[in-house]
Amino acid sequence: MRILFALFLFGTGIMTMSFATRGYPVGEAPDEVGQFMIALQKTGYLIFWVGFLKTVAGGLMFFPRTAPLAILMALPYAFNILLYVIFFAHKYLVVGLPDFAACAFLIYCYFDWYRPIFAGPTSTATTELAGGEDAL
């Protein structure tokens, strides 16, 4: 799952960066999704940096050591895509739902790596921050 998600992020990240430099392909009379993408393109920076972040996260996900960090980097994008396809672009649900599901599944798989983030301070760390045992 990690490799498939990495391939998806890396490939779509490069594609998104190319949209930022060459323009988003829309028809003569763009629908709401096309109008939204044209509005984002006019900002001049957002689409490129989203694509860059997706490419970096996808590249990092190929390596087991950096995969947990890459998954956290991809989470805001995956959550944003989930909201985008649910509320705005229903025809892309077939892409958005598996995208978010893959990210959520990988977070579940790597949760032991994330567990210390949610743990409270240890007594050793509290003692060291307070200036040693004499300070308590």
C-alpha atoms as a PDB file:
ATOM      1  CA  MET A   1       0.000   0.000   0.000  1.00  0.00           C
ATOM      2  CA  ARG A   2       2.877   2.338   0.844  1.00  0.00           C
ATOM      3  CA  ILE A   3       4.498   1.905  -2.575  1.00  0.00           C
ATOM      4  CA  LEU A   4       1.201   2.336  -4.440  1.00  0.00           C
ATOM      5  CA  PHE A   5       0.403   5.503  -2.483  1.00  0.00           C
ATOM      6  CA  ALA A   6       3.946   6.753  -3.103  1.00  0.00           C
ATOM      7  CA  LEU A   7       3.576   6.167  -6.840  1.00  0.00           C
ATOM      8  CA  PHE A   8       0.225   7.960  -6.830  1.00  0.00           C
ATOM      9  CA  LEU A   9       1.569  10.971  -4.915  1.00  0.00           C
ATOM     10  CA  PHE A  10       4.769  11.200  -6.934  1.00  0.00           C
ATOM     11  CA  GLY A  11       2.984  10.894 -10.293  1.00  0.00           C
ATOM     12  CA  THR A  12       0.158  13.286  -9.505  1.00  0.00           C
ATOM     13  CA  GLY A  13       2.596  15.705  -7.898  1.00  0.00           C
ATOM     14  CA  ILE A  14       4.601  15.965 -11.102  1.00  0.00           C
ATOM     15  CA  MET A  15       1.363  16.297 -13.077  1.00  0.00           C
ATOM     16  CA  THR A  16       0.150  19.076 -10.747  1.00  0.00           C
ATOM     17  CA  MET A  17       3.415  20.990 -11.094  1.00  0.00           C
ATOM     18  CA  SER A  18       3.087  20.764 -14.878  1.00  0.00           C
ATOM     19  CA  PHE A  19      -0.444  22.199 -14.614  1.00  0.00           C
ATOM     20  CA  ALA A  20       1.010  25.099 -12.668  1.00  0.00           C
ATOM     21  CA  THR A  21       3.557  25.863 -15.350  1.00  0.00           C
ATOM     22  CA  ARG A  22       1.488  25.098 -18.493  1.00  0.00           C
ATOM     23  CA  GLY A  23      -2.056  25.796 -17.303  1.00  0.00           C
ATOM     24  CA  TYR A  24      -4.944  23.599 -16.289  1.00  0.00           C
ATOM     25  CA  PRO A  25      -6.587  21.860 -19.273  1.00  0.00           C
ATOM     26  CA  VAL A  26     -10.227  22.923 -19.451  1.00  0.00           C
ATOM     27  CA  GLY A  27     -12.761  22.983 -22.270  1.00  0.00           C
ATOM     28  CA  GLU A  28     -14.402  25.971 -23.936  1.00  0.00           C
ATOM     29  CA  ALA A  29     -17.101  26.259 -21.262  1.00  0.00           C
ATOM     30  CA  PRO A  30     -15.547  24.918 -18.049  1.00  0.00           C
ATOM     31  CA  ASP A  31     -17.794  23.406 -15.396  1.00  0.00           C
ATOM     32  CA  GLU A  32     -17.563  24.388 -11.713  1.00  0.00           C
ATOM     33  CA  VAL A  33     -14.494  22.215 -11.161  1.00  0.00           C
ATOM     34  CA  GLY A  34     -12.736  23.755 -14.170  1.00  0.00           C
ATOM     35  CA  GLN A  35     -13.616  27.266 -13.008  1.00  0.00           C
ATOM     36  CA  PHE A  36     -12.248  26.469  -9.553  1.00  0.00           C
ATOM     37  CA  MET A  37      -8.987  25.152 -11.003  1.00  0.00           C
ATOM     38  CA  ILE A  38      -8.648  28.239 -13.229  1.00  0.00           C
ATOM     39  CA  ALA A  39      -9.145  30.444 -10.158  1.00  0.00           C
ATOM     40  CA  LEU A  40      -6.431  28.508  -8.310  1.00  0.00           C
ATOM     41  CA  GLN A  41      -4.129  28.807 -11.314  1.00  0.00           C
ATOM     42  CA  LYS A  42      -4.569  32.593 -11.294  1.00  0.00           C
ATOM     43  CA  THR A  43      -3.139  32.741  -7.761  1.00  0.00           C
ATOM     44  CA  GLY A  44       0.176  31.906  -9.383  1.00  0.00           C
ATOM     45  CA  TYR A  45       1.726  29.818  -6.631  1.00  0.00           C
ATOM     46  CA  LEU A  46      -0.683  27.482  -4.879  1.00  0.00           C
ATOM     47  CA  ILE A  47      -0.917  24.712  -7.458  1.00  0.00           C
ATOM     48  CA  PHE A  48       2.850  24.490  -7.963  1.00  0.00           C
ATOM     49  CA  TRP A  49       3.591  24.181  -4.240  1.00  0.00           C
ATOM     50  CA  VAL A  50       0.854  21.603  -3.687  1.00  0.00           C
ATOM     51  CA  GLY A  51       2.361  19.544  -6.521  1.00  0.00           C
ATOM     52  CA  PHE A  52       5.853  20.015  -5.116  1.00  0.00           C
ATOM     53  CA  LEU A  53       4.761  18.854  -1.653  1.00  0.00           C
ATOM     54  CA  LYS A  54       3.004  15.814  -3.142  1.00  0.00           C
ATOM     55  CA  THR A  55       6.121  14.937  -5.146  1.00  0.00           C
ATOM     56  CA  VAL A  56       8.401  15.237  -2.106  1.00  0.00           C
ATOM     57  CA  ALA A  57       6.020  13.225   0.093  1.00  0.00           C
ATOM     58  CA  GLY A  58       5.707  10.552  -2.584  1.00  0.00           C
ATOM     59  CA  GLY A  59       9.474  10.390  -3.001  1.00  0.00           C
ATOM     60  CA  LEU A  60      10.061  10.087   0.742  1.00  0.00           C
ATOM     61  CA  MET A  61       7.439   7.371   0.991  1.00  0.00           C
ATOM     62  CA  PHE A  62       9.506   5.037  -1.192  1.00  0.00           C
ATOM     63  CA  PHE A  63      11.991   4.647   1.678  1.00  0.00           C
ATOM     64  CA  PRO A  64      10.788   2.803   4.801  1.00  0.00           C
ATOM     65  CA  ARG A  65      12.797   5.047   7.124  1.00  0.00           C
ATOM     66  CA  THR A  66      11.135   8.260   5.931  1.00  0.00           C
ATOM     67  CA  ALA A  67       7.672   6.814   5.224  1.00  0.00           C
ATOM     68  CA  PRO A  68       6.071   7.922   8.543  1.00  0.00           C
ATOM     69  CA  LEU A  69       7.133  11.524   7.931  1.00  0.00           C
ATOM     70  CA  ALA A  70       5.914  11.367   4.329  1.00  0.00           C
ATOM     71  CA  ILE A  71       2.532  10.052   5.462  1.00  0.00           C
ATOM     72  CA  LEU A  72       2.151  12.997   7.825  1.00  0.00           C
ATOM     73  CA  MET A  73       3.129  15.336   4.979  1.00  0.00           C
ATOM     74  CA  ALA A  74       0.471  13.766   2.742  1.00  0.00           C
ATOM     75  CA  LEU A  75      -2.319  13.843   5.339  1.00  0.00           C
ATOM     76  CA  PRO A  76      -3.402  17.494   4.833  1.00  0.00           C
ATOM     77  CA  TYR A  77      -3.495  16.957   1.077  1.00  0.00           C
ATOM     78  CA  ALA A  78      -5.469  13.707   1.394  1.00  0.00           C
ATOM     79  CA  PHE A  79      -7.960  15.272   3.814  1.00  0.00           C
ATOM     80  CA  ASN A  80      -8.376  18.295   1.544  1.00  0.00           C
ATOM     81  CA  ILE A  81      -9.020  16.038  -1.452  1.00  0.00           C
ATOM     82  CA  LEU A  82     -11.581  14.077   0.578  1.00  0.00           C
ATOM     83  CA  LEU A  83     -13.489  17.267   1.388  1.00  0.00           C
ATOM     84  CA  TYR A  84     -13.115  18.523  -2.193  1.00  0.00           C
ATOM     85  CA  VAL A  85     -14.641  15.405  -3.755  1.00  0.00           C
ATOM     86  CA  ILE A  86     -17.413  15.081  -1.164  1.00  0.00           C
ATOM     87  CA  PHE A  87     -18.618  18.680  -1.337  1.00  0.00           C
ATOM     88  CA  PHE A  88     -17.565  19.917  -4.759  1.00  0.00           C
ATOM     89  CA  ALA A  89     -16.373  17.419  -7.365  1.00  0.00           C
ATOM     90  CA  HIS A  90     -18.536  14.325  -6.887  1.00  0.00           C
ATOM     91  CA  LYS A  91     -17.383  12.764 -10.145  1.00  0.00           C
ATOM     92  CA  TYR A  92     -13.884  12.305  -8.658  1.00  0.00           C
ATOM     93  CA  LEU A  93     -15.027  10.284  -5.615  1.00  0.00           C
ATOM     94  CA  VAL A  94     -13.457   7.198  -7.207  1.00  0.00           C
ATOM     95  CA  VAL A  95     -10.038   8.878  -6.789  1.00  0.00           C
ATOM     96  CA  GLY A  96     -10.550  10.931  -3.634  1.00  0.00           C
ATOM     97  CA  LEU A  97     -11.919   8.252  -1.352  1.00  0.00           C
ATOM     98  CA  PRO A  98      -9.155   5.675  -1.988  1.00  0.00           C
ATOM     99  CA  ASP A  99      -6.580   8.469  -1.706  1.00  0.00           C
ATOM    100  CA  PHE A 100      -7.726   9.368   1.799  1.00  0.00           C
ATOM    101  CA  ALA A 101      -8.319   5.721   2.744  1.00  0.00           C
ATOM    102  CA  ALA A 102      -4.739   4.823   1.793  1.00  0.00           C
ATOM    103  CA  CYS A 103      -3.371   7.670   3.903  1.00  0.00           C
ATOM    104  CA  ALA A 104      -5.565   6.727   6.883  1.00  0.00           C
ATOM    105  CA  PHE A 105      -4.602   3.054   6.545  1.00  0.00           C
ATOM    106  CA  LEU A 106      -0.890   3.919   6.462  1.00  0.00           C
ATOM    107  CA  ILE A 107      -1.272   6.105   9.560  1.00  0.00           C
ATOM    108  CA  TYR A 108      -2.866   3.105  11.269  1.00  0.00           C
ATOM    109  CA  CYS A 109       0.006   0.858  10.122  1.00  0.00           C
ATOM    110  CA  TYR A 110       2.674   3.255  11.383  1.00  0.00           C
ATOM    111  CA  PHE A 111       0.848   4.276  14.561  1.00  0.00           C
ATOM    112  CA  ASP A 112       3.555   2.784  16.796  1.00  0.00           C
ATOM    113  CA  TRP A 113       5.933   5.309  15.257  1.00  0.00           C
ATOM    114  CA  TYR A 114       3.498   8.161  16.058  1.00  0.00           C
ATOM    115  CA  ARG A 115       2.623   6.949  19.577  1.00  0.00           C
ATOM    116  CA  PRO A 116       5.341   8.987  21.377  1.00  0.00           C
ATOM    117  CA  ILE A 117       3.836  12.153  19.923  1.00  0.00           C
ATOM    118  CA  PHE A 118       0.638  11.505  21.892  1.00  0.00           C
ATOM    119  CA  ALA A 119       2.330  10.274  25.084  1.00  0.00           C
ATOM    120  CA  GLY A 120       2.469  12.558  28.075  1.00  0.00           C
ATOM    121  CA  PRO A 121       5.752  13.738  29.536  1.00  0.00           C
ATOM    122  CA  THR A 122       7.767  11.116  31.383  1.00  0.00           C
ATOM    123  CA  SER A 123       8.945  11.640  34.931  1.00  0.00           C
ATOM    124  CA  THR A 124      12.558  11.734  33.736  1.00  0.00           C
ATOM    125  CA  ALA A 125      11.836  14.523  31.272  1.00  0.00           C
ATOM    126  CA  THR A 126       9.874  16.486  33.894  1.00  0.00           C
ATOM    127  CA  THR A 127      12.698  16.162  36.414  1.00  0.00           C
ATOM    128  CA  GLU A 128      15.305  17.317  33.889  1.00  0.00           C
ATOM    129  CA  LEU A 129      13.188  20.311  32.866  1.00  0.00           C
ATOM    130  CA  ALA A 130      12.662  21.294  36.493  1.00  0.00           C
ATOM    131  CA  GLY A 131      16.402  21.384  37.113  1.00  0.00           C
ATOM    132  CA  GLY A 132      17.041  17.974  38.612  1.00  0.00           C
ATOM    133  CA  GLU A 133      15.677  16.109  41.620  1.00  0.00           C
ATOM    134  CA  ASP A 134      16.728  18.843  44.054  1.00  0.00           C
ATOM    135  CA  ALA A 135      14.359  21.324  42.398  1.00  0.00           C
ATOM    136  CA  LEU A 136      11.309  19.165  43.079  1.00  0.00           C
END
